[in-house]
Amino acid sequence: QFMSHAERGDATVRLVQADGQHLPFRDADFDIVMMIQVFGGLRSWRRVLAEGRRVLRASGVMVIGRTVRPCGGVDSRMKERLRSFLDEAGVESGPANASEDVERWLESTGDGGGWKIVASWNADRTPRGFLDRHRTGAQFHQLPHAIKEQALHRLGERAATTFGSVDAVSSERQSSELRFFRFS
């Protein structure tokens, strides 16, 4: 995870790469802590949030963010089919998406408003793009080579049938949303 840290009284900005569970900053060092696209498959989300709270000033704001894609879009349909193929192959699911657990925890400990759309755009999605991105995805990459190749091959065949081609372009509306939390 990358974070920038502005020195007090100095316009210099440092870019620091650090483990989100062990941030190299003092307690109450920041007015804002932003966590964008962090919690998807994160198992240690409680520790990451605790560290974010630790470095946040009492009057500060924690911001979480996500990208919202259409439920029936190319990526969601391909992801669902991939999960089905991996289930058939006896591959256990990776960590569940922790985003909903994170939101519930933040709602129970902090004062937060609803999601605010901060940007929207159209994105061209293809099944081939999904296949390319998932070939090197962190969780998928850890699977045995034979299982990965078989799942991607089957997924490609199914996509060609479902979408007409793995290169079929689908223009989909996506958005970036933020949610702000304050803690007492």
C-alpha atoms as a PDB file:
ATOM      1  CA  GLN A   1       0.000   0.000   0.000  1.00  0.00           C
ATOM      2  CA  PHE A   2       1.258   3.451  -0.826  1.00  0.00           C
ATOM      3  CA  MET A   3       0.675   6.513   1.279  1.00  0.00           C
ATOM      4  CA  SER A   4       1.895  10.053   1.000  1.00  0.00           C
ATOM      5  CA  HIS A   5       2.819  11.974   4.114  1.00  0.00           C
ATOM      6  CA  ALA A   6       3.154  15.753   4.186  1.00  0.00           C
ATOM      7  CA  GLU A   7       5.495  17.077   6.846  1.00  0.00           C
ATOM      8  CA  ARG A   8       3.897  19.629   9.193  1.00  0.00           C
ATOM      9  CA  GLY A   9       4.901  23.141   8.185  1.00  0.00           C
ATOM     10  CA  ASP A  10       6.662  21.834   5.092  1.00  0.00           C
ATOM     11  CA  ALA A  11       5.293  21.454   1.562  1.00  0.00           C
ATOM     12  CA  THR A  12       7.497  18.409   0.979  1.00  0.00           C
ATOM     13  CA  VAL A  13       5.617  15.205   0.296  1.00  0.00           C
ATOM     14  CA  ARG A  14       7.198  11.799   0.834  1.00  0.00           C
ATOM     15  CA  LEU A  15       5.906   8.630  -0.736  1.00  0.00           C
ATOM     16  CA  VAL A  16       6.132   5.701   1.668  1.00  0.00           C
ATOM     17  CA  GLN A  17       5.488   2.055   0.901  1.00  0.00           C
ATOM     18  CA  ALA A  18       4.428   0.183   4.029  1.00  0.00           C
ATOM     19  CA  ASP A  19       2.504  -2.780   5.347  1.00  0.00           C
ATOM     20  CA  GLY A  20      -1.009  -1.544   6.178  1.00  0.00           C
ATOM     21  CA  GLN A  21      -0.919  -3.579   9.405  1.00  0.00           C
ATOM     22  CA  HIS A  22       2.211  -1.787  10.669  1.00  0.00           C
ATOM     23  CA  LEU A  23       2.262   1.817   9.489  1.00  0.00           C
ATOM     24  CA  PRO A  24       5.530   3.694  10.111  1.00  0.00           C
ATOM     25  CA  PHE A  25       3.811   6.829  11.414  1.00  0.00           C
ATOM     26  CA  ARG A  26       3.221   8.343  14.835  1.00  0.00           C
ATOM     27  CA  ASP A  27      -0.123   8.104  16.608  1.00  0.00           C
ATOM     28  CA  ALA A  28      -2.614  10.812  15.578  1.00  0.00           C
ATOM     29  CA  ASP A  29      -0.372  12.028  12.750  1.00  0.00           C
ATOM     30  CA  PHE A  30      -2.993  12.576  10.009  1.00  0.00           C
ATOM     31  CA  ASP A  31      -6.157  14.595   9.471  1.00  0.00           C
ATOM     32  CA  ILE A  32      -7.345  12.204   6.758  1.00  0.00           C
ATOM     33  CA  VAL A  33      -6.725   8.508   6.167  1.00  0.00           C
ATOM     34  CA  MET A  34      -7.880   7.249   2.775  1.00  0.00           C
ATOM     35  CA  MET A  35      -8.338   3.567   1.992  1.00  0.00           C
ATOM     36  CA  ILE A  36      -9.380   3.137  -1.620  1.00  0.00           C
ATOM     37  CA  GLN A  37      -9.905  -0.348  -3.085  1.00  0.00           C
ATOM     38  CA  VAL A  38      -8.197  -1.932  -0.065  1.00  0.00           C
ATOM     39  CA  PHE A  39     -10.584  -4.432   1.480  1.00  0.00           C
ATOM     40  CA  GLY A  40     -11.692  -6.781  -1.331  1.00  0.00           C
ATOM     41  CA  GLY A  41      -9.962 -10.006  -0.291  1.00  0.00           C
ATOM     42  CA  LEU A  42      -8.098  -8.711   2.732  1.00  0.00           C
ATOM     43  CA  ARG A  43      -8.140 -11.135   5.656  1.00  0.00           C
ATOM     44  CA  SER A  44      -6.490  -8.788   8.139  1.00  0.00           C
ATOM     45  CA  TRP A  45      -8.880  -5.891   7.589  1.00  0.00           C
ATOM     46  CA  ARG A  46      -9.392  -5.320  11.336  1.00  0.00           C
ATOM     47  CA  ARG A  47      -5.677  -4.722  11.854  1.00  0.00           C
ATOM     48  CA  VAL A  48      -5.507  -2.402   8.820  1.00  0.00           C
ATOM     49  CA  LEU A  49      -8.456  -0.371  10.129  1.00  0.00           C
ATOM     50  CA  ALA A  50      -6.948  -0.273  13.623  1.00  0.00           C
ATOM     51  CA  GLU A  51      -3.723   1.121  12.178  1.00  0.00           C
ATOM     52  CA  GLY A  52      -5.697   3.679  10.187  1.00  0.00           C
ATOM     53  CA  ARG A  53      -7.481   4.755  13.359  1.00  0.00           C
ATOM     54  CA  ARG A  54      -4.199   4.854  15.288  1.00  0.00           C
ATOM     55  CA  VAL A  55      -2.584   7.344  12.881  1.00  0.00           C
ATOM     56  CA  LEU A  56      -5.777   9.431  12.548  1.00  0.00           C
ATOM     57  CA  ARG A  57      -6.217  12.514  14.728  1.00  0.00           C
ATOM     58  CA  ALA A  58      -9.293  12.579  16.970  1.00  0.00           C
ATOM     59  CA  SER A  59     -10.861  15.243  14.733  1.00  0.00           C
ATOM     60  CA  GLY A  60      -9.828  13.419  11.568  1.00  0.00           C
ATOM     61  CA  VAL A  61     -11.779  11.638   8.861  1.00  0.00           C
ATOM     62  CA  MET A  62     -11.341   8.127   7.516  1.00  0.00           C
ATOM     63  CA  VAL A  63     -12.341   7.780   3.873  1.00  0.00           C
ATOM     64  CA  ILE A  64     -13.023   4.433   2.247  1.00  0.00           C
ATOM     65  CA  GLY A  65     -13.568   4.077  -1.454  1.00  0.00           C
ATOM     66  CA  ARG A  66     -14.680   1.576  -4.015  1.00  0.00           C
ATOM     67  CA  THR A  67     -15.341   1.182  -7.706  1.00  0.00           C
ATOM     68  CA  VAL A  68     -18.869   0.105  -8.584  1.00  0.00           C
ATOM     69  CA  ARG A  69     -19.418  -1.971 -11.688  1.00  0.00           C
ATOM     70  CA  PRO A  70     -22.749  -3.243 -13.036  1.00  0.00           C
ATOM     71  CA  CYS A  71     -23.955  -6.505 -11.466  1.00  0.00           C
ATOM     72  CA  GLY A  72     -24.768  -8.029 -14.841  1.00  0.00           C
ATOM     73  CA  GLY A  73     -21.623  -6.701 -16.504  1.00  0.00           C
ATOM     74  CA  VAL A  74     -18.881  -8.683 -18.204  1.00  0.00           C
ATOM     75  CA  ASP A  75     -16.593  -8.826 -15.155  1.00  0.00           C
ATOM     76  CA  SER A  76     -19.285  -9.963 -12.727  1.00  0.00           C
ATOM     77  CA  ARG A  77     -20.554 -12.633 -15.104  1.00  0.00           C
ATOM     78  CA  MET A  78     -17.041 -13.881 -15.856  1.00  0.00           C
ATOM     79  CA  LYS A  79     -16.131 -13.887 -12.156  1.00  0.00           C
ATOM     80  CA  GLU A  80     -19.225 -15.910 -11.289  1.00  0.00           C
ATOM     81  CA  ARG A  81     -18.459 -18.469 -14.012  1.00  0.00           C
ATOM     82  CA  LEU A  82     -14.800 -18.700 -12.950  1.00  0.00           C
ATOM     83  CA  ARG A  83     -15.866 -19.367  -9.363  1.00  0.00           C
ATOM     84  CA  SER A  84     -18.147 -22.140 -10.645  1.00  0.00           C
ATOM     85  CA  PHE A  85     -15.303 -23.775 -12.610  1.00  0.00           C
ATOM     86  CA  LEU A  86     -12.956 -23.586  -9.611  1.00  0.00           C
ATOM     87  CA  ASP A  87     -15.631 -25.048  -7.331  1.00  0.00           C
ATOM     88  CA  GLU A  88     -16.040 -27.967  -9.765  1.00  0.00           C
ATOM     89  CA  ALA A  89     -12.258 -28.468  -9.670  1.00  0.00           C
ATOM     90  CA  GLY A  90     -12.391 -28.654  -5.861  1.00  0.00           C
ATOM     91  CA  VAL A  91     -10.537 -25.378  -5.334  1.00  0.00           C
ATOM     92  CA  GLU A  92     -11.576 -23.667  -2.111  1.00  0.00           C
ATOM     93  CA  SER A  93     -12.658 -20.074  -2.338  1.00  0.00           C
ATOM     94  CA  GLY A  94     -10.163 -17.440  -1.353  1.00  0.00           C
ATOM     95  CA  PRO A  95     -11.003 -14.926   1.331  1.00  0.00           C
ATOM     96  CA  ALA A  96     -14.478 -13.488   1.024  1.00  0.00           C
ATOM     97  CA  ASN A  97     -14.836  -9.878   0.032  1.00  0.00           C
ATOM     98  CA  ALA A  98     -14.447  -8.096   3.355  1.00  0.00           C
ATOM     99  CA  SER A  99     -15.943  -4.793   2.202  1.00  0.00           C
ATOM    100  CA  GLU A 100     -19.359  -5.361   3.787  1.00  0.00           C
ATOM    101  CA  ASP A 101     -17.765  -6.437   7.098  1.00  0.00           C
ATOM    102  CA  VAL A 102     -15.583  -3.319   7.025  1.00  0.00           C
ATOM    103  CA  GLU A 103     -18.601  -1.089   6.459  1.00  0.00           C
ATOM    104  CA  ARG A 104     -20.545  -2.694   9.320  1.00  0.00           C
ATOM    105  CA  TRP A 105     -17.563  -2.282  11.654  1.00  0.00           C
ATOM    106  CA  LEU A 106     -17.061   1.357  10.669  1.00  0.00           C
ATOM    107  CA  GLU A 107     -20.779   2.069  11.089  1.00  0.00           C
ATOM    108  CA  SER A 108     -20.719   0.550  14.576  1.00  0.00           C
ATOM    109  CA  THR A 109     -17.678   2.553  15.708  1.00  0.00           C
ATOM    110  CA  GLY A 110     -17.915   5.784  13.765  1.00  0.00           C
ATOM    111  CA  ASP A 111     -20.277   8.373  12.384  1.00  0.00           C
ATOM    112  CA  GLY A 112     -20.482   8.037   8.626  1.00  0.00           C
ATOM    113  CA  GLY A 113     -22.745   9.199   5.885  1.00  0.00           C
ATOM    114  CA  GLY A 114     -23.790   7.235   2.848  1.00  0.00           C
ATOM    115  CA  TRP A 115     -21.755   6.568  -0.261  1.00  0.00           C
ATOM    116  CA  LYS A 116     -21.016   9.616  -2.423  1.00  0.00           C
ATOM    117  CA  ILE A 117     -20.409   9.156  -6.132  1.00  0.00           C
ATOM    118  CA  VAL A 118     -17.313  11.189  -6.965  1.00  0.00           C
ATOM    119  CA  ALA A 119     -16.824  10.093 -10.581  1.00  0.00           C
ATOM    120  CA  SER A 120     -18.653   8.115 -13.261  1.00  0.00           C
ATOM    121  CA  TRP A 121     -17.461   6.906 -16.617  1.00  0.00           C
ATOM    122  CA  ASN A 122     -18.121   4.404 -19.368  1.00  0.00           C
ATOM    123  CA  ALA A 123     -15.611   1.588 -19.645  1.00  0.00           C
ATOM    124  CA  ASP A 124     -15.277  -0.845 -22.502  1.00  0.00           C
ATOM    125  CA  ARG A 125     -15.016  -4.357 -21.063  1.00  0.00           C
ATOM    126  CA  THR A 126     -14.234  -7.580 -22.885  1.00  0.00           C
ATOM    127  CA  PRO A 127     -14.046 -11.181 -21.722  1.00  0.00           C
ATOM    128  CA  ARG A 128     -10.424 -11.248 -22.956  1.00  0.00           C
ATOM    129  CA  GLY A 129      -9.617  -8.310 -20.682  1.00  0.00           C
ATOM    130  CA  PHE A 130     -11.036 -10.215 -17.725  1.00  0.00           C
ATOM    131  CA  LEU A 131      -9.021 -13.327 -18.650  1.00  0.00           C
ATOM    132  CA  ASP A 132      -5.821 -11.287 -18.964  1.00  0.00           C
ATOM    133  CA  ARG A 133      -6.320  -9.498 -15.637  1.00  0.00           C
ATOM    134  CA  HIS A 134      -7.132 -12.699 -13.730  1.00  0.00           C
ATOM    135  CA  ARG A 135      -4.240 -14.683 -15.164  1.00  0.00           C
ATOM    136  CA  THR A 136      -1.913 -12.658 -12.927  1.00  0.00           C
ATOM    137  CA  GLY A 137      -4.312 -11.839 -10.069  1.00  0.00           C
ATOM    138  CA  ALA A 138      -2.819 -12.434  -6.611  1.00  0.00           C
ATOM    139  CA  GLN A 139      -5.236 -15.138  -5.441  1.00  0.00           C
ATOM    140  CA  PHE A 140      -5.606 -16.857  -8.819  1.00  0.00           C
ATOM    141  CA  HIS A 141      -1.843 -16.774  -9.428  1.00  0.00           C
ATOM    142  CA  GLN A 142      -1.281 -18.978  -6.356  1.00  0.00           C
ATOM    143  CA  LEU A 143      -3.293 -21.871  -7.804  1.00  0.00           C
ATOM    144  CA  PRO A 144      -1.549 -24.852  -9.441  1.00  0.00           C
ATOM    145  CA  HIS A 145      -0.673 -24.144 -13.079  1.00  0.00           C
ATOM    146  CA  ALA A 146      -2.828 -26.964 -14.492  1.00  0.00           C
ATOM    147  CA  ILE A 147      -5.936 -25.766 -12.626  1.00  0.00           C
ATOM    148  CA  LYS A 148      -5.399 -22.162 -13.730  1.00  0.00           C
ATOM    149  CA  GLU A 149      -4.929 -23.106 -17.367  1.00  0.00           C
ATOM    150  CA  GLN A 150      -7.944 -25.431 -17.401  1.00  0.00           C
ATOM    151  CA  ALA A 151     -10.176 -22.827 -15.714  1.00  0.00           C
ATOM    152  CA  LEU A 152      -9.059 -20.056 -18.099  1.00  0.00           C
ATOM    153  CA  HIS A 153      -9.530 -22.306 -21.131  1.00  0.00           C
ATOM    154  CA  ARG A 154     -13.048 -23.302 -20.059  1.00  0.00           C
ATOM    155  CA  LEU A 155     -13.862 -19.712 -19.167  1.00  0.00           C
ATOM    156  CA  GLY A 156     -12.678 -18.527 -22.586  1.00  0.00           C
ATOM    157  CA  GLU A 157     -14.827 -21.147 -24.346  1.00  0.00           C
ATOM    158  CA  ARG A 158     -17.869 -20.199 -22.272  1.00  0.00           C
ATOM    159  CA  ALA A 159     -17.260 -16.480 -22.904  1.00  0.00           C
ATOM    160  CA  ALA A 160     -17.092 -17.053 -26.664  1.00  0.00           C
ATOM    161  CA  THR A 161     -20.481 -18.769 -26.481  1.00  0.00           C
ATOM    162  CA  THR A 162     -22.068 -16.316 -24.047  1.00  0.00           C
ATOM    163  CA  PHE A 163     -20.766 -13.054 -25.532  1.00  0.00           C
ATOM    164  CA  GLY A 164     -20.214 -14.195 -29.137  1.00  0.00           C
ATOM    165  CA  SER A 165     -16.460 -13.665 -28.863  1.00  0.00           C
ATOM    166  CA  VAL A 166     -13.847 -13.135 -26.150  1.00  0.00           C
ATOM    167  CA  ASP A 167     -13.212  -9.794 -27.871  1.00  0.00           C
ATOM    168  CA  ALA A 168     -16.851  -8.657 -27.760  1.00  0.00           C
ATOM    169  CA  VAL A 169     -16.899  -5.138 -26.341  1.00  0.00           C
ATOM    170  CA  SER A 170     -19.482  -4.145 -23.783  1.00  0.00           C
ATOM    171  CA  SER A 171     -19.649  -0.488 -22.751  1.00  0.00           C
ATOM    172  CA  GLU A 172     -20.536  -0.347 -19.063  1.00  0.00           C
ATOM    173  CA  ARG A 173     -21.223   2.530 -16.684  1.00  0.00           C
ATOM    174  CA  GLN A 174     -18.913   2.483 -13.670  1.00  0.00           C
ATOM    175  CA  SER A 175     -18.468   4.831 -10.762  1.00  0.00           C
ATOM    176  CA  SER A 176     -16.074   5.644  -7.970  1.00  0.00           C
ATOM    177  CA  GLU A 177     -17.680   6.101  -4.561  1.00  0.00           C
ATOM    178  CA  LEU A 178     -16.347   7.419  -1.277  1.00  0.00           C
ATOM    179  CA  ARG A 179     -17.665   7.167   2.268  1.00  0.00           C
ATOM    180  CA  PHE A 180     -16.461   9.391   5.130  1.00  0.00           C
ATOM    181  CA  PHE A 181     -16.273   8.398   8.814  1.00  0.00           C
ATOM    182  CA  ARG A 182     -15.541  10.387  11.961  1.00  0.00           C
ATOM    183  CA  PHE A 183     -14.880   8.747  15.331  1.00  0.00           C
ATOM    184  CA  SER A 184     -15.653  10.116  18.796  1.00  0.00           C
END
